[in-house]
Structure formats: structure tokens, C-alpha cells
C-alpha atoms as a PDB file:
ATOM      1  CA  MET A   1       0.131   0.229  -0.261  1.00  0.00           C
ATOM      2  CA  THR A   2       1.030   3.252  -0.371  1.00  0.00           C
ATOM      3  CA  GLN A   3       1.837   6.392   1.568  1.00  0.00           C
ATOM      4  CA  PRO A   4      -0.449   8.967   0.803  1.00  0.00           C
ATOM      5  CA  TYR A   5       1.105  12.388   0.399  1.00  0.00           C
ATOM      6  CA  SER A   6       1.718  14.783   3.462  1.00  0.00           C
ATOM      7  CA  PHE A   7       0.638  17.687   0.274  1.00  0.00           C
ATOM      8  CA  THR A   8      -0.730  17.534  -2.374  1.00  0.00           C
ATOM      9  CA  ARG A   9      -0.579  21.357  -3.628  1.00  0.00           C
ATOM     10  CA  ILE A  10      -0.153  25.189  -2.275  1.00  0.00           C
ATOM     11  CA  GLY A  11      -2.850  26.121  -1.345  1.00  0.00           C
ATOM     12  CA  TYR A  12      -2.830  30.488  -0.418  1.00  0.00           C
ATOM     13  CA  ALA A  13      -0.391  32.395  -1.952  1.00  0.00           C
ATOM     14  CA  TYR A  14      -0.418  35.418   1.465  1.00  0.00           C
ATOM     15  CA  VAL A  15       0.255  38.783  -0.061  1.00  0.00           C
ATOM     16  CA  PRO A  16       0.009  42.039   3.004  1.00  0.00           C
ATOM     17  CA  THR A  17      -1.580  45.298   2.079  1.00  0.00           C
ATOM     18  CA  THR A  18      -1.466  48.196   3.820  1.00  0.00           C
ATOM     19  CA  ASN A  19      -5.366  49.283   2.069  1.00  0.00           C
ATOM     20  CA  LEU A  20      -7.170  46.046   1.478  1.00  0.00           C
ATOM     21  CA  ASP A  21     -10.494  47.973  -0.233  1.00  0.00           C
ATOM     22  CA  SER A  22      -7.231  49.996  -2.640  1.00  0.00           C
ATOM     23  CA  SER A  23      -5.494  46.700  -3.534  1.00  0.00           C
ATOM     24  CA  ILE A  24      -9.012  44.525  -4.013  1.00  0.00           C
ATOM     25  CA  ASP A  25      -9.706  46.679  -6.890  1.00  0.00           C
ATOM     26  CA  TRP A  26      -5.782  47.056  -7.416  1.00  0.00           C
ATOM     27  CA  TYR A  27      -6.036  43.559  -7.765  1.00  0.00           C
ATOM     28  CA  THR A  28      -9.355  42.746  -9.587  1.00  0.00           C
ATOM     29  CA  ARG A  29      -8.912  45.869 -12.366  1.00  0.00           C
ATOM     30  CA  ASN A  30      -5.128  44.605 -12.975  1.00  0.00           C
ATOM     31  CA  LEU A  31      -4.832  40.898 -13.103  1.00  0.00           C
ATOM     32  CA  SER A  32      -8.196  39.596 -13.753  1.00  0.00           C
ATOM     33  CA  PHE A  33      -8.666  38.320  -9.500  1.00  0.00           C
ATOM     34  CA  ALA A  34     -12.438  38.023  -8.060  1.00  0.00           C
ATOM     35  CA  LEU A  35     -12.736  38.491  -4.516  1.00  0.00           C
ATOM     36  CA  MET A  36     -15.132  35.554  -3.060  1.00  0.00           C
ATOM     37  CA  SER A  37     -15.100  36.851   0.274  1.00  0.00           C
ATOM     38  CA  LYS A  38     -13.520  39.032   2.810  1.00  0.00           C
ATOM     39  CA  PHE A  39     -13.931  39.261   6.575  1.00  0.00           C
ATOM     40  CA  GLU A  40     -11.464  39.792   9.856  1.00  0.00           C
ATOM     41  CA  ASP A  41      -9.151  36.854  10.748  1.00  0.00           C
ATOM     42  CA  ARG A  42      -6.878  37.257  14.170  1.00  0.00           C
ATOM     43  CA  GLY A  43      -6.521  41.027  14.636  1.00  0.00           C
ATOM     44  CA  SER A  44      -6.630  42.550  10.784  1.00  0.00           C
ATOM     45  CA  ASN A  45      -9.493  42.042   7.806  1.00  0.00           C
ATOM     46  CA  LEU A  46      -8.752  40.069   4.895  1.00  0.00           C
ATOM     47  CA  ALA A  47      -9.531  39.204   1.339  1.00  0.00           C
ATOM     48  CA  VAL A  48      -9.912  36.233  -0.380  1.00  0.00           C
ATOM     49  CA  LEU A  49      -9.157  36.660  -4.224  1.00  0.00           C
ATOM     50  CA  HIS A  50      -9.865  33.570  -7.037  1.00  0.00           C
ATOM     51  CA  HIS A  51      -8.474  33.259 -10.420  1.00  0.00           C
ATOM     52  CA  PRO A  52     -11.240  31.634 -12.919  1.00  0.00           C
ATOM     53  CA  HIS A  53      -9.131  28.650 -13.832  1.00  0.00           C
ATOM     54  CA  VAL A  54     -10.446  25.519 -11.703  1.00  0.00           C
ATOM     55  CA  HIS A  55      -7.065  24.777 -10.085  1.00  0.00           C
ATOM     56  CA  ALA A  56      -5.706  28.488  -9.245  1.00  0.00           C
ATOM     57  CA  ILE A  57      -3.815  28.647  -5.769  1.00  0.00           C
ATOM     58  CA  ALA A  58      -6.024  31.725  -4.095  1.00  0.00           C
ATOM     59  CA  LEU A  59      -4.528  35.072  -3.367  1.00  0.00           C
ATOM     60  CA  LEU A  60      -5.184  35.876   0.717  1.00  0.00           C
ATOM     61  CA  LEU A  61      -4.747  39.740   0.939  1.00  0.00           C
ATOM     62  CA  ILE A  62      -3.654  40.448   4.691  1.00  0.00           C
ATOM     63  CA  GLU A  63      -4.858  44.313   6.029  1.00  0.00           C
ATOM     64  CA  THR A  64      -1.490  45.137   8.103  1.00  0.00           C
ATOM     65  CA  THR A  65      -0.395  48.475   9.721  1.00  0.00           C
ATOM     66  CA  ASP A  66       3.233  47.520   8.684  1.00  0.00           C
ATOM     67  CA  LYS A  67       3.821  48.551   5.480  1.00  0.00           C
ATOM     68  CA  GLN A  68       6.376  46.135   3.454  1.00  0.00           C
ATOM     69  CA  SER A  69       6.909  46.292  -0.026  1.00  0.00           C
ATOM     70  CA  LEU A  70       8.137  42.270  -0.905  1.00  0.00           C
ATOM     71  CA  GLU A  71      10.656  41.405  -3.651  1.00  0.00           C
ATOM     72  CA  ILE A  72      13.101  38.417  -3.369  1.00  0.00           C
ATOM     73  CA  ALA A  73      16.991  39.578  -3.272  1.00  0.00           C
ATOM     74  CA  ARG A  74      18.608  36.758  -5.307  1.00  0.00           C
ATOM     75  CA  ASN A  75      22.288  37.167  -5.974  1.00  0.00           C
ATOM     76  CA  GLY A  76      21.553  41.541  -5.433  1.00  0.00           C
ATOM     77  CA  LYS A  77      18.739  42.311  -7.952  1.00  0.00           C
ATOM     78  CA  PRO A  78      15.352  42.147  -6.614  1.00  0.00           C
ATOM     79  CA  PHE A  79      13.177  38.956  -8.270  1.00  0.00           C
ATOM     80  CA  PRO A  80       9.107  38.308  -7.815  1.00  0.00           C
ATOM     81  CA  ILE A  81       7.549  36.547  -4.860  1.00  0.00           C
ATOM     82  CA  LEU A  82       5.106  35.602  -7.078  1.00  0.00           C
ATOM     83  CA  ALA A  83       4.910  34.243 -11.092  1.00  0.00           C
ATOM     84  CA  LEU A  84       1.001  34.831 -13.119  1.00  0.00           C
ATOM     85  CA  ASN A  85       0.791  32.798 -15.789  1.00  0.00           C
ATOM     86  CA  CYS A  86      -0.750  34.601 -18.122  1.00  0.00           C
ATOM     87  CA  PRO A  87      -1.952  32.806 -22.050  1.00  0.00           C
ATOM     88  CA  ASP A  88      -1.302  35.382 -23.933  1.00  0.00           C
ATOM     89  CA  ILE A  89       1.451  37.369 -22.200  1.00  0.00           C
ATOM     90  CA  GLU A  90       1.588  40.476 -24.634  1.00  0.00           C
ATOM     91  CA  HIS A  91      -2.270  41.521 -24.717  1.00  0.00           C
ATOM     92  CA  THR A  92      -1.922  41.134 -20.761  1.00  0.00           C
ATOM     93  CA  HIS A  93       1.645  43.372 -21.063  1.00  0.00           C
ATOM     94  CA  ALA A  94       0.017  45.888 -23.081  1.00  0.00           C
ATOM     95  CA  GLN A  95      -3.802  45.283 -21.118  1.00  0.00           C
ATOM     96  CA  LEU A  96      -1.721  46.504 -18.065  1.00  0.00           C
ATOM     97  CA  GLN A  97       0.310  49.519 -19.949  1.00  0.00           C
ATOM     98  CA  ALA A  98      -2.799  50.191 -20.798  1.00  0.00           C
ATOM     99  CA  ASN A  99      -3.849  50.333 -16.899  1.00  0.00           C
ATOM    100  CA  GLY A 100      -1.476  53.066 -15.783  1.00  0.00           C
ATOM    101  CA  VAL A 101       0.279  50.390 -14.158  1.00  0.00           C
ATOM    102  CA  ASP A 102       4.677  50.168 -14.846  1.00  0.00           C
ATOM    103  CA  VAL A 103       5.760  47.495 -16.190  1.00  0.00           C
ATOM    104  CA  GLY A 104       9.195  46.010 -17.231  1.00  0.00           C
ATOM    105  CA  GLU A 105      10.627  45.387 -21.022  1.00  0.00           C
ATOM    106  CA  LEU A 106       8.945  41.779 -22.395  1.00  0.00           C
ATOM    107  CA  GLN A 107      11.529  38.868 -22.455  1.00  0.00           C
ATOM    108  CA  GLN A 108      11.788  36.307 -24.091  1.00  0.00           C
ATOM    109  CA  LEU A 109      14.210  33.601 -22.813  1.00  0.00           C
ATOM    110  CA  GLY A 110      15.448  30.542 -24.473  1.00  0.00           C
ATOM    111  CA  ASN A 111      14.242  29.671 -28.498  1.00  0.00           C
ATOM    112  CA  GLY A 112      11.270  31.639 -27.380  1.00  0.00           C
ATOM    113  CA  GLU A 113       9.763  28.604 -25.257  1.00  0.00           C
ATOM    114  CA  ALA A 114       9.288  31.204 -22.609  1.00  0.00           C
ATOM    115  CA  LYS A 115       8.137  34.679 -22.459  1.00  0.00           C
ATOM    116  CA  SER A 116       7.618  37.305 -18.836  1.00  0.00           C
ATOM    117  CA  PHE A 117       8.094  40.408 -17.793  1.00  0.00           C
ATOM    118  CA  PHE A 118       8.259  42.021 -14.338  1.00  0.00           C
ATOM    119  CA  PHE A 119       5.890  44.893 -12.176  1.00  0.00           C
ATOM    120  CA  ARG A 120       4.584  46.419  -9.121  1.00  0.00           C
ATOM    121  CA  ASP A 121       1.273  45.524  -7.234  1.00  0.00           C
ATOM    122  CA  ASP A 122      -0.462  48.856  -5.769  1.00  0.00           C
ATOM    123  CA  GLN A 123       1.979  48.167  -2.524  1.00  0.00           C
ATOM    124  CA  GLY A 124       4.848  47.621  -4.585  1.00  0.00           C
ATOM    125  CA  HIS A 125       5.366  44.007  -4.208  1.00  0.00           C
ATOM    126  CA  PHE A 126       7.706  42.638  -6.837  1.00  0.00           C
ATOM    127  CA  LEU A 127       5.256  40.459  -9.899  1.00  0.00           C
ATOM    128  CA  GLU A 128       5.792  38.572 -12.638  1.00  0.00           C
ATOM    129  CA  ALA A 129       4.107  37.753 -15.795  1.00  0.00           C
ATOM    130  CA  ALA A 130       5.308  34.208 -17.359  1.00  0.00           C
ATOM    131  CA  TRP A 131       4.207  32.295 -20.106  1.00  0.00           C
ATOM    132  CA  SER A 132       5.779  28.926 -21.270  1.00  0.00           C
ATOM    133  CA  ILE A 133       4.822  26.616 -23.499  1.00  0.00           C
ATOM    134  CA  TRP A 134       5.307  24.020 -20.223  1.00  0.00           C
ATOM    135  CA  ASP A 135       1.820  26.403 -18.450  1.00  0.00           C
ATOM    136  CA  PRO A 136      -0.692  23.431 -17.787  1.00  0.00           C
ATOM    137  CA  LYS A 137      -3.806  23.356 -19.779  1.00  0.00           C
ATOM    138  CA  ASP A 138      -6.532  23.731 -16.634  1.00  0.00           C
ATOM    139  CA  GLU A 139     -10.254  24.466 -17.258  1.00  0.00           C
ATOM    140  CA  LEU A 140     -12.502  27.020 -16.102  1.00  0.00           C
ATOM    141  CA  LYS A 141     -14.219  27.708 -13.597  1.00  0.00           C
ATOM    142  CA  SER A 142     -17.898  28.158 -15.128  1.00  0.00           C
ATOM    143  CA  PRO A 143     -19.505  30.865 -14.620  1.00  0.00           C
ATOM    144  CA  PHE A 144     -17.043  32.545 -13.057  1.00  0.00           C
ATOM    145  CA  PRO A 145     -16.703  34.706 -11.243  1.00  0.00           C
ATOM    146  CA  PRO A 146     -19.060  32.191  -9.359  1.00  0.00           C
ATOM    147  CA  VAL A 147     -22.841  34.378  -8.657  1.00  0.00           C
ATOM    148  CA  GLU A 148     -24.095  34.618  -5.497  1.00  0.00           C
ATOM    149  CA  GLU A 149     -26.957  32.624  -3.985  1.00  0.00           C
ATOM    150  CA  GLY A 150     -29.510  34.028  -1.951  1.00  0.00           C
END
């Protein structure tokens, strides 16, 4: 008999914000997230955001009074805390630029098997938009965003 896995996938990504409503607006307007829930937890407010893919991990925006723009230092240079997959990276690059987001140059990696660019969110967190021939294909949630029953 095979042992069950201890873990099967990443469940959530936590991103701090000093202004929850502003960050919800930024992520839903610029990055195609949908607000699923907003509530108080352990002394601060948080928002659960989802992407349209069935198996996408949730992004949890955590409101805090501590201003902290996140990035990883990689060999002395900034490196992103999250990479977001884009089915059409050229469109995404142009759309973010049109929305006034300061985006980096679209870079091609290898022989065109992958493309990416960097940008920062409304709180200054360093993010990456990425596309590659190896990105998993996934089903979309239907409808998305989900319709509330009630």
C-alpha cells in the first residue's frame, strides 16, 4: 500500500497590504482576480481572491499597518515573490501598460519557449507575468466569477 501524500498542492499565497479595498480594486481590475470573500481574521481584515482556473491557488490579501513591499534578493538583484501565468502574455503586457501599471520589458527566454516581464502592484510588491510552452492547461470555472446564491 502506498503512503498518502502529506501535501498535494500550494493552497494560498499571502500578500500584505496597508489598504485592503485599494488592493482588492487593483488586483481585480489589473490581474483578473475575483473577490470571493472578505472578513476579519486574527485582528485584521483579509480578502480571498480567485482566478478563473479550476485549480488556481487563492490569493489572500492581508491588511496590516506594517508597510512592506515584498521582493526576493537574488544575487543582489530584485526577484519576484509571485509569478502569474498568462495565456496571452503580449496582450497582458499591453493591457497593464494601458492601465498605467509600470511594466518591464517583455523578455523571451530560450528559443521562445517562455516569455515574461516584471511589474509591481499597488503596494510595491515585485511580481512576474509569465508564459511558457510548459504551462499546464486547466479548465475554467463556469460561471466566473461565481454567482452568489441567496
